[in-house]
Amino acid sequence: MLALFQQISAWSIPVFLLFILVYAFFRGVKVYETFIKGAEEGFNIAVRIIPYLVAMMIAVSIFRQSGMLDLLGSICNPILKIVGIPVEVIPLALMRPFSGGGALGIAAELINNYGPDSIIGRLASTMQGSTDTTFFVLTVYFGSVGIRKYRYSLAVGLLADLTTFFASVYIVNRMFSI
């Protein structure tokens, strides 16, 4: 039975793509021309995003290399011990709204140091999968389409990040604590 599911899984995407091509053909869509037009639009979007992406990457690198990330973690340490949040995940919680790549590096470091089945490893994995890169989204995506007034987007994004951080801590502690 497992072999059948593996075969279905292996063929699902190619069959789906073939279905789209056949469906488009019968609908009279010029598939190749449409693909080229979409690729051209994608390239133009990428060119517009690159300046924002480079600026965000430089800002995140400066933030991390300056030691500010570690300083914020140590400032939060006394409060977190009272609440029961492992101090080791604070750099991940602080980096995640800024950079997915930087947060992934921190999560990988936590998993390597503490193990994937440890509370910290599981918490890092849960946080990585449940939070978003709020500043990255605002900078790159909003910037690329010309949105200048974020209004409540930043507050809502950071509130969502904070909520998912506490939800991750609660769920991991409830499910995996001894």
N, C-alpha and C. Protein backbone atom coordinates (compact mmCIF):
# COMPACT_ATOMS: atom_id res chain seq x y z
N MET A 1 0.83 -1.19 0.00
CA MET A 1 0.00 0.00 0.00
C MET A 1 0.88 1.26 0.00
N LEU A 2 1.98 1.23 0.78
CA LEU A 2 2.89 2.37 0.83
C LEU A 2 3.49 2.63 -0.54
N ALA A 3 3.83 1.56 -1.27
CA ALA A 3 4.41 1.73 -2.61
C ALA A 3 3.42 2.42 -3.55
N LEU A 4 2.15 2.09 -3.41
CA LEU A 4 1.13 2.72 -4.24
C LEU A 4 1.06 4.22 -3.97
N PHE A 5 1.07 4.60 -2.69
CA PHE A 5 1.05 6.02 -2.34
C PHE A 5 2.30 6.74 -2.82
N GLN A 6 3.44 6.08 -2.77
CA GLN A 6 4.67 6.69 -3.26
C GLN A 6 4.61 6.91 -4.77
N GLN A 7 4.04 5.96 -5.49
CA GLN A 7 3.88 6.12 -6.94
C GLN A 7 2.92 7.26 -7.27
N ILE A 8 1.82 7.31 -6.54
CA ILE A 8 0.85 8.39 -6.77
C ILE A 8 1.51 9.73 -6.47
N SER A 9 2.27 9.80 -5.39
CA SER A 9 2.95 11.04 -5.02
C SER A 9 3.98 11.44 -6.08
N ALA A 10 4.71 10.48 -6.59
CA ALA A 10 5.75 10.78 -7.58
C ALA A 10 5.15 11.28 -8.89
N TRP A 11 3.97 10.81 -9.26
CA TRP A 11 3.36 11.16 -10.53
C TRP A 11 2.34 12.29 -10.43
N SER A 12 1.99 12.74 -9.24
CA SER A 12 0.91 13.71 -9.10
C SER A 12 1.22 15.05 -9.77
N ILE A 13 2.39 15.59 -9.56
CA ILE A 13 2.71 16.90 -10.16
C ILE A 13 2.87 16.80 -11.67
N PRO A 14 3.61 15.82 -12.21
CA PRO A 14 3.66 15.73 -13.68
C PRO A 14 2.28 15.54 -14.33
N VAL A 15 1.43 14.73 -13.73
CA VAL A 15 0.09 14.52 -14.28
C VAL A 15 -0.72 15.82 -14.19
N PHE A 16 -0.59 16.54 -13.09
CA PHE A 16 -1.30 17.81 -12.94
C PHE A 16 -0.84 18.82 -13.99
N LEU A 17 0.47 18.92 -14.22
CA LEU A 17 0.98 19.83 -15.24
C LEU A 17 0.52 19.43 -16.63
N LEU A 18 0.52 18.14 -16.92
CA LEU A 18 0.03 17.66 -18.21
C LEU A 18 -1.45 17.99 -18.38
N PHE A 19 -2.22 17.82 -17.31
CA PHE A 19 -3.65 18.17 -17.35
C PHE A 19 -3.84 19.64 -17.69
N ILE A 20 -3.05 20.51 -17.08
CA ILE A 20 -3.17 21.95 -17.35
C ILE A 20 -2.86 22.24 -18.82
N LEU A 21 -1.81 21.62 -19.34
CA LEU A 21 -1.44 21.85 -20.74
C LEU A 21 -2.53 21.35 -21.70
N VAL A 22 -3.05 20.17 -21.45
CA VAL A 22 -4.09 19.60 -22.31
C VAL A 22 -5.36 20.45 -22.21
N TYR A 23 -5.74 20.84 -21.01
CA TYR A 23 -6.92 21.67 -20.81
C TYR A 23 -6.77 23.00 -21.55
N ALA A 24 -5.61 23.63 -21.42
CA ALA A 24 -5.36 24.91 -22.09
C ALA A 24 -5.40 24.74 -23.61
N PHE A 25 -4.85 23.64 -24.10
CA PHE A 25 -4.86 23.37 -25.53
C PHE A 25 -6.29 23.29 -26.06
N PHE A 26 -7.14 22.54 -25.36
CA PHE A 26 -8.52 22.39 -25.80
C PHE A 26 -9.34 23.67 -25.63
N ARG A 27 -8.91 24.54 -24.76
CA ARG A 27 -9.59 25.83 -24.59
C ARG A 27 -9.11 26.87 -25.59
N GLY A 28 -8.09 26.52 -26.37
CA GLY A 28 -7.58 27.44 -27.39
C GLY A 28 -6.55 28.42 -26.87
N VAL A 29 -5.98 28.17 -25.72
CA VAL A 29 -4.97 29.05 -25.15
C VAL A 29 -3.63 28.76 -25.81
N LYS A 30 -2.93 29.81 -26.22
CA LYS A 30 -1.59 29.64 -26.78
C LYS A 30 -0.64 29.48 -25.59
N VAL A 31 -0.37 28.22 -25.26
CA VAL A 31 0.33 27.88 -24.02
C VAL A 31 1.74 28.46 -24.00
N TYR A 32 2.50 28.26 -25.05
CA TYR A 32 3.89 28.71 -25.04
C TYR A 32 3.97 30.24 -24.96
N GLU A 33 3.15 30.92 -25.76
CA GLU A 33 3.16 32.38 -25.76
C GLU A 33 2.74 32.93 -24.39
N THR A 34 1.75 32.28 -23.80
CA THR A 34 1.30 32.69 -22.47
C THR A 34 2.39 32.48 -21.43
N PHE A 35 3.09 31.35 -21.53
CA PHE A 35 4.20 31.07 -20.62
C PHE A 35 5.29 32.13 -20.76
N ILE A 36 5.66 32.47 -22.00
CA ILE A 36 6.71 33.47 -22.23
C ILE A 36 6.28 34.83 -21.68
N LYS A 37 5.03 35.19 -21.88
CA LYS A 37 4.54 36.47 -21.35
C LYS A 37 4.61 36.49 -19.82
N GLY A 38 4.20 35.39 -19.18
CA GLY A 38 4.28 35.30 -17.72
C GLY A 38 5.72 35.35 -17.22
N ALA A 39 6.63 34.67 -17.94
CA ALA A 39 8.04 34.70 -17.55
C ALA A 39 8.60 36.11 -17.67
N GLU A 40 8.20 36.83 -18.70
CA GLU A 40 8.66 38.22 -18.88
C GLU A 40 8.15 39.10 -17.74
N GLU A 41 6.89 38.95 -17.37
CA GLU A 41 6.34 39.72 -16.26
C GLU A 41 7.05 39.36 -14.95
N GLY A 42 7.33 38.08 -14.76
CA GLY A 42 8.06 37.64 -13.57
C GLY A 42 9.45 38.25 -13.51
N PHE A 43 10.12 38.32 -14.64
CA PHE A 43 11.45 38.92 -14.68
C PHE A 43 11.38 40.40 -14.34
N ASN A 44 10.39 41.11 -14.88
CA ASN A 44 10.24 42.54 -14.58
C ASN A 44 9.96 42.76 -13.09
N ILE A 45 9.15 41.90 -12.50
CA ILE A 45 8.88 42.00 -11.07
C ILE A 45 10.16 41.76 -10.28
N ALA A 46 10.95 40.77 -10.68
CA ALA A 46 12.20 40.48 -9.99
C ALA A 46 13.14 41.68 -10.05
N VAL A 47 13.21 42.34 -11.19
CA VAL A 47 14.07 43.52 -11.32
C VAL A 47 13.60 44.63 -10.39
N ARG A 48 12.27 44.80 -10.26
CA ARG A 48 11.76 45.83 -9.34
C ARG A 48 12.00 45.48 -7.88
N ILE A 49 12.02 44.18 -7.53
CA ILE A 49 12.18 43.75 -6.15
C ILE A 49 13.64 43.81 -5.69
N ILE A 50 14.58 43.63 -6.58
CA ILE A 50 15.99 43.49 -6.20
C ILE A 50 16.50 44.63 -5.30
N PRO A 51 16.26 45.90 -5.58
CA PRO A 51 16.78 46.94 -4.67
C PRO A 51 16.25 46.81 -3.24
N TYR A 52 14.96 46.48 -3.10
CA TYR A 52 14.37 46.32 -1.78
C TYR A 52 14.96 45.09 -1.08
N LEU A 53 15.17 44.04 -1.83
CA LEU A 53 15.74 42.82 -1.28
C LEU A 53 17.16 43.04 -0.79
N VAL A 54 17.97 43.73 -1.58
CA VAL A 54 19.35 44.01 -1.18
C VAL A 54 19.38 44.90 0.07
N ALA A 55 18.54 45.91 0.11
CA ALA A 55 18.49 46.80 1.28
C ALA A 55 18.11 46.02 2.53
N MET A 56 17.11 45.13 2.41
CA MET A 56 16.68 44.33 3.57
C MET A 56 17.76 43.38 4.02
N MET A 57 18.46 42.74 3.08
CA MET A 57 19.53 41.82 3.45
C MET A 57 20.68 42.54 4.16
N ILE A 58 21.01 43.72 3.71
CA ILE A 58 22.07 44.50 4.35
C ILE A 58 21.64 44.92 5.76
N ALA A 59 20.41 45.38 5.91
CA ALA A 59 19.92 45.79 7.22
C ALA A 59 19.92 44.63 8.20
N VAL A 60 19.49 43.46 7.77
CA VAL A 60 19.47 42.29 8.64
C VAL A 60 20.90 41.88 9.01
N SER A 61 21.80 41.93 8.06
CA SER A 61 23.19 41.58 8.33
C SER A 61 23.81 42.54 9.35
N ILE A 62 23.56 43.82 9.21
CA ILE A 62 24.07 44.80 10.17
C ILE A 62 23.48 44.55 11.55
N PHE A 63 22.18 44.27 11.62
CA PHE A 63 21.50 44.01 12.89
C PHE A 63 22.11 42.81 13.60
N ARG A 64 22.39 41.77 12.86
CA ARG A 64 22.93 40.55 13.46
C ARG A 64 24.41 40.70 13.82
N GLN A 65 25.19 41.27 12.91
CA GLN A 65 26.63 41.39 13.14
C GLN A 65 26.98 42.43 14.21
N SER A 66 26.10 43.38 14.44
CA SER A 66 26.39 44.42 15.43
C SER A 66 26.27 43.91 16.87
N GLY A 67 25.64 42.77 17.05
CA GLY A 67 25.43 42.24 18.39
C GLY A 67 24.12 42.69 19.01
N MET A 68 23.34 43.46 18.27
CA MET A 68 22.07 43.96 18.78
C MET A 68 21.10 42.81 19.04
N LEU A 69 21.13 41.78 18.20
CA LEU A 69 20.26 40.62 18.38
C LEU A 69 20.54 39.93 19.71
N ASP A 70 21.82 39.72 20.03
CA ASP A 70 22.19 39.10 21.30
C ASP A 70 21.83 40.00 22.49
N LEU A 71 22.01 41.30 22.33
CA LEU A 71 21.68 42.24 23.40
C LEU A 71 20.18 42.20 23.71
N LEU A 72 19.34 42.21 22.69
CA LEU A 72 17.90 42.13 22.92
C LEU A 72 17.52 40.83 23.60
N GLY A 73 18.18 39.73 23.22
CA GLY A 73 17.92 38.45 23.87
C GLY A 73 18.28 38.46 25.34
N SER A 74 19.40 39.06 25.68
CA SER A 74 19.82 39.10 27.08
C SER A 74 18.94 40.04 27.92
N ILE A 75 18.41 41.09 27.30
CA ILE A 75 17.51 42.00 28.01
C ILE A 75 16.21 41.29 28.37
N CYS A 76 15.74 40.46 27.46
CA CYS A 76 14.47 39.74 27.67
C CYS A 76 14.62 38.54 28.61
N ASN A 77 15.83 38.12 28.89
CA ASN A 77 16.10 36.89 29.64
C ASN A 77 15.38 36.79 30.98
N PRO A 78 15.44 37.77 31.87
CA PRO A 78 14.81 37.62 33.19
C PRO A 78 13.29 37.42 33.12
N ILE A 79 12.65 38.13 32.24
CA ILE A 79 11.20 38.01 32.11
C ILE A 79 10.83 36.64 31.56
N LEU A 80 11.60 36.17 30.61
CA LEU A 80 11.28 34.90 29.96
C LEU A 80 11.44 33.71 30.89
N LYS A 81 12.39 33.79 31.79
CA LYS A 81 12.57 32.69 32.75
C LYS A 81 11.33 32.54 33.63
N ILE A 82 10.73 33.67 34.00
CA ILE A 82 9.53 33.63 34.83
C ILE A 82 8.37 32.97 34.07
N VAL A 83 8.23 33.30 32.80
CA VAL A 83 7.14 32.79 31.98
C VAL A 83 7.38 31.35 31.53
N GLY A 84 8.64 30.92 31.54
CA GLY A 84 8.95 29.55 31.13
C GLY A 84 9.32 29.41 29.66
N ILE A 85 9.77 30.49 29.06
CA ILE A 85 10.18 30.45 27.66
C ILE A 85 11.70 30.26 27.63
N PRO A 86 12.18 29.25 26.89
CA PRO A 86 13.63 29.05 26.80
C PRO A 86 14.33 30.26 26.18
N VAL A 87 15.35 30.73 26.85
CA VAL A 87 16.08 31.92 26.39
C VAL A 87 16.75 31.66 25.05
N GLU A 88 17.07 30.42 24.77
CA GLU A 88 17.79 30.07 23.55
C GLU A 88 17.01 30.39 22.28
N VAL A 89 15.68 30.44 22.35
CA VAL A 89 14.88 30.69 21.15
C VAL A 89 14.62 32.17 20.90
N ILE A 90 15.06 33.03 21.80
CA ILE A 90 14.81 34.47 21.65
C ILE A 90 15.46 35.03 20.39
N PRO A 91 16.73 34.68 20.09
CA PRO A 91 17.27 35.20 18.82
C PRO A 91 16.43 34.81 17.60
N LEU A 92 15.89 33.61 17.62
CA LEU A 92 15.03 33.18 16.52
C LEU A 92 13.75 34.01 16.49
N ALA A 93 13.15 34.24 17.64
CA ALA A 93 11.92 35.03 17.70
C ALA A 93 12.16 36.47 17.25
N LEU A 94 13.33 37.00 17.56
CA LEU A 94 13.63 38.37 17.15
C LEU A 94 14.01 38.47 15.68
N MET A 95 14.66 37.44 15.14
CA MET A 95 15.12 37.49 13.75
C MET A 95 14.02 37.14 12.76
N ARG A 96 13.09 36.28 13.15
CA ARG A 96 12.09 35.77 12.21
C ARG A 96 11.29 36.88 11.52
N PRO A 97 10.85 37.95 12.19
CA PRO A 97 10.11 38.99 11.46
C PRO A 97 10.97 39.75 10.44
N PHE A 98 12.28 39.66 10.56
CA PHE A 98 13.16 40.40 9.66
C PHE A 98 13.62 39.58 8.46
N SER A 99 14.01 38.33 8.71
CA SER A 99 14.65 37.56 7.64
C SER A 99 14.38 36.08 7.78
N GLY A 100 13.83 35.49 6.75
CA GLY A 100 13.61 34.05 6.75
C GLY A 100 14.92 33.28 6.71
N GLY A 101 15.87 33.76 5.91
CA GLY A 101 17.17 33.10 5.83
C GLY A 101 17.95 33.19 7.12
N GLY A 102 17.95 34.37 7.74
CA GLY A 102 18.63 34.52 9.02
C GLY A 102 17.99 33.68 10.10
N ALA A 103 16.66 33.64 10.10
CA ALA A 103 15.94 32.83 11.09
C ALA A 103 16.19 31.35 10.85
N LEU A 104 16.25 30.95 9.60
CA LEU A 104 16.53 29.54 9.29
C LEU A 104 17.93 29.15 9.77
N GLY A 105 18.89 30.05 9.62
CA GLY A 105 20.23 29.80 10.13
C GLY A 105 20.24 29.64 11.64
N ILE A 106 19.51 30.48 12.34
CA ILE A 106 19.43 30.38 13.80
C ILE A 106 18.72 29.09 14.20
N ALA A 107 17.63 28.76 13.50
CA ALA A 107 16.90 27.52 13.81
C ALA A 107 17.78 26.30 13.57
N ALA A 108 18.53 26.29 12.49
CA ALA A 108 19.44 25.17 12.21
C ALA A 108 20.51 25.06 13.28
N GLU A 109 21.00 26.19 13.74
CA GLU A 109 22.01 26.19 14.81
C GLU A 109 21.42 25.64 16.12
N LEU A 110 20.20 26.04 16.44
CA LEU A 110 19.54 25.53 17.64
C LEU A 110 19.31 24.02 17.54
N ILE A 111 18.88 23.57 16.39
CA ILE A 111 18.63 22.13 16.20
C ILE A 111 19.93 21.35 16.25
N ASN A 112 21.00 21.89 15.68
CA ASN A 112 22.30 21.22 15.76
C ASN A 112 22.83 21.17 17.18
N ASN A 113 22.64 22.25 17.94
CA ASN A 113 23.17 22.30 19.31
C ASN A 113 22.35 21.48 20.30
N TYR A 114 21.03 21.51 20.17
CA TYR A 114 20.17 20.89 21.18
C TYR A 114 19.48 19.62 20.69
N GLY A 115 19.51 19.37 19.40
CA GLY A 115 18.88 18.18 18.84
C GLY A 115 17.48 18.45 18.35
N PRO A 116 17.05 17.75 17.32
CA PRO A 116 15.73 17.99 16.76
C PRO A 116 14.58 17.54 17.66
N ASP A 117 14.85 16.61 18.56
CA ASP A 117 13.79 16.11 19.44
C ASP A 117 13.77 16.78 20.80
N SER A 118 14.63 17.77 21.00
CA SER A 118 14.62 18.51 22.25
C SER A 118 13.49 19.54 22.22
N ILE A 119 13.15 20.05 23.38
CA ILE A 119 12.11 21.09 23.45
C ILE A 119 12.54 22.30 22.62
N ILE A 120 13.79 22.67 22.70
CA ILE A 120 14.27 23.84 21.96
C ILE A 120 14.24 23.56 20.45
N GLY A 121 14.65 22.37 20.04
CA GLY A 121 14.61 22.01 18.62
C GLY A 121 13.19 21.99 18.07
N ARG A 122 12.28 21.41 18.85
CA ARG A 122 10.88 21.37 18.42
C ARG A 122 10.26 22.76 18.41
N LEU A 123 10.62 23.56 19.40
CA LEU A 123 10.10 24.92 19.45
C LEU A 123 10.64 25.74 18.28
N ALA A 124 11.92 25.59 17.97
CA ALA A 124 12.50 26.31 16.83
C ALA A 124 11.81 25.91 15.53
N SER A 125 11.55 24.62 15.37
CA SER A 125 10.88 24.15 14.16
C SER A 125 9.46 24.68 14.07
N THR A 126 8.76 24.68 15.18
CA THR A 126 7.38 25.16 15.20
C THR A 126 7.33 26.66 14.93
N MET A 127 8.23 27.39 15.54
CA MET A 127 8.28 28.84 15.30
C MET A 127 8.62 29.13 13.85
N GLN A 128 9.54 28.39 13.29
CA GLN A 128 9.97 28.61 11.91
C GLN A 128 8.80 28.38 10.95
N GLY A 129 7.95 27.43 11.27
CA GLY A 129 6.84 27.12 10.39
C GLY A 129 5.59 27.93 10.62
N SER A 130 5.50 28.62 11.74
CA SER A 130 4.24 29.30 12.05
C SER A 130 4.32 30.82 12.05
N THR A 131 5.49 31.37 11.97
CA THR A 131 5.62 32.83 11.93
C THR A 131 6.00 33.28 10.53
N ASP A 132 5.96 34.57 10.29
CA ASP A 132 6.27 35.09 8.97
C ASP A 132 7.33 36.18 9.07
N THR A 133 7.88 36.53 7.93
CA THR A 133 8.91 37.55 7.85
C THR A 133 8.23 38.90 7.57
N THR A 134 7.68 39.48 8.60
CA THR A 134 6.85 40.67 8.47
C THR A 134 7.58 41.83 7.80
N PHE A 135 8.76 42.19 8.27
CA PHE A 135 9.48 43.32 7.70
C PHE A 135 9.91 43.03 6.26
N PHE A 136 10.27 41.78 5.99
CA PHE A 136 10.64 41.39 4.65
C PHE A 136 9.44 41.56 3.71
N VAL A 137 8.28 41.11 4.14
CA VAL A 137 7.08 41.23 3.32
C VAL A 137 6.76 42.70 3.06
N LEU A 138 6.82 43.51 4.11
CA LEU A 138 6.51 44.93 3.95
C LEU A 138 7.53 45.62 3.05
N THR A 139 8.80 45.31 3.25
CA THR A 139 9.84 45.98 2.47
C THR A 139 9.85 45.53 1.03
N VAL A 140 9.90 44.24 0.81
CA VAL A 140 10.07 43.74 -0.55
C VAL A 140 8.76 43.76 -1.33
N TYR A 141 7.73 43.13 -0.81
CA TYR A 141 6.51 43.01 -1.59
C TYR A 141 5.74 44.32 -1.67
N PHE A 142 5.60 45.01 -0.56
CA PHE A 142 4.90 46.29 -0.63
C PHE A 142 5.71 47.29 -1.44
N GLY A 143 7.03 47.28 -1.24
CA GLY A 143 7.89 48.20 -1.97
C GLY A 143 7.89 47.96 -3.46
N SER A 144 7.82 46.70 -3.86
CA SER A 144 7.89 46.39 -5.29
C SER A 144 6.65 46.83 -6.05
N VAL A 145 5.52 46.93 -5.37
CA VAL A 145 4.31 47.38 -6.05
C VAL A 145 3.97 48.83 -5.72
N GLY A 146 4.85 49.50 -4.98
CA GLY A 146 4.71 50.93 -4.76
C GLY A 146 3.83 51.34 -3.59
N ILE A 147 3.55 50.43 -2.68
CA ILE A 147 2.74 50.80 -1.52
C ILE A 147 3.63 51.54 -0.53
N ARG A 148 3.30 52.76 -0.22
CA ARG A 148 4.12 53.57 0.68
C ARG A 148 3.48 53.71 2.07
N LYS A 149 2.18 53.66 2.14
CA LYS A 149 1.49 53.81 3.42
C LYS A 149 1.03 52.43 3.87
N TYR A 150 1.72 51.90 4.85
CA TYR A 150 1.43 50.55 5.32
C TYR A 150 0.20 50.50 6.21
N ARG A 151 -0.19 51.62 6.74
CA ARG A 151 -1.29 51.75 7.68
C ARG A 151 -1.13 50.81 8.85
N TYR A 152 -1.95 49.80 8.97
CA TYR A 152 -1.90 48.89 10.11
C TYR A 152 -1.14 47.60 9.81
N SER A 153 -0.58 47.48 8.64
CA SER A 153 0.08 46.23 8.23
C SER A 153 1.21 45.83 9.16
N LEU A 154 2.04 46.79 9.55
CA LEU A 154 3.16 46.48 10.43
C LEU A 154 2.67 46.02 11.80
N ALA A 155 1.74 46.74 12.37
CA ALA A 155 1.22 46.37 13.69
C ALA A 155 0.54 45.00 13.67
N VAL A 156 -0.25 44.75 12.65
CA VAL A 156 -0.94 43.47 12.56
C VAL A 156 0.04 42.34 12.32
N GLY A 157 1.03 42.57 11.45
CA GLY A 157 2.03 41.54 11.19
C GLY A 157 2.84 41.19 12.43
N LEU A 158 3.27 42.21 13.17
CA LEU A 158 4.04 41.95 14.39
C LEU A 158 3.17 41.32 15.48
N LEU A 159 1.91 41.72 15.55
CA LEU A 159 1.00 41.09 16.50
C LEU A 159 0.80 39.61 16.15
N ALA A 160 0.69 39.31 14.88
CA ALA A 160 0.57 37.91 14.44
C ALA A 160 1.83 37.13 14.79
N ASP A 161 3.00 37.75 14.59
CA ASP A 161 4.26 37.08 14.95
C ASP A 161 4.33 36.81 16.44
N LEU A 162 3.95 37.79 17.24
CA LEU A 162 3.96 37.62 18.69
C LEU A 162 2.98 36.54 19.13
N THR A 163 1.80 36.55 18.55
CA THR A 163 0.79 35.55 18.88
C THR A 163 1.27 34.15 18.53
N THR A 164 1.84 34.00 17.35
CA THR A 164 2.32 32.67 16.96
C THR A 164 3.53 32.24 17.78
N PHE A 165 4.32 33.18 18.24
CA PHE A 165 5.44 32.83 19.12
C PHE A 165 4.91 32.23 20.42
N PHE A 166 3.97 32.92 21.06
CA PHE A 166 3.42 32.41 22.31
C PHE A 166 2.61 31.12 22.10
N ALA A 167 1.91 31.04 20.99
CA ALA A 167 1.18 29.81 20.68
C ALA A 167 2.15 28.65 20.47
N SER A 168 3.26 28.90 19.81
CA SER A 168 4.28 27.86 19.61
C SER A 168 4.84 27.38 20.93
N VAL A 169 5.18 28.31 21.80
CA VAL A 169 5.71 27.95 23.12
C VAL A 169 4.69 27.13 23.88
N TYR A 170 3.45 27.57 23.90
CA TYR A 170 2.40 26.87 24.64
C TYR A 170 2.18 25.46 24.09
N ILE A 171 2.03 25.36 22.78
CA ILE A 171 1.74 24.06 22.17
C ILE A 171 2.90 23.09 22.34
N VAL A 172 4.11 23.54 22.10
CA VAL A 172 5.27 22.66 22.24
C VAL A 172 5.43 22.21 23.70
N ASN A 173 5.25 23.14 24.64
CA ASN A 173 5.36 22.76 26.05
C ASN A 173 4.25 21.78 26.46
N ARG A 174 3.05 21.98 25.95
CA ARG A 174 1.94 21.07 26.28
C ARG A 174 2.11 19.70 25.66
N MET A 175 2.61 19.66 24.43
CA MET A 175 2.69 18.39 23.73
C MET A 175 3.95 17.59 24.04
N PHE A 176 5.06 18.27 24.34
CA PHE A 176 6.33 17.56 24.43
C PHE A 176 7.03 17.65 25.77
N SER A 177 6.50 18.39 26.72
CA SER A 177 7.15 18.47 28.03
C SER A 177 6.97 17.15 28.78
N ILE A 178 7.99 16.84 29.52
CA ILE A 178 7.97 15.59 30.30
C ILE A 178 7.24 15.79 31.60
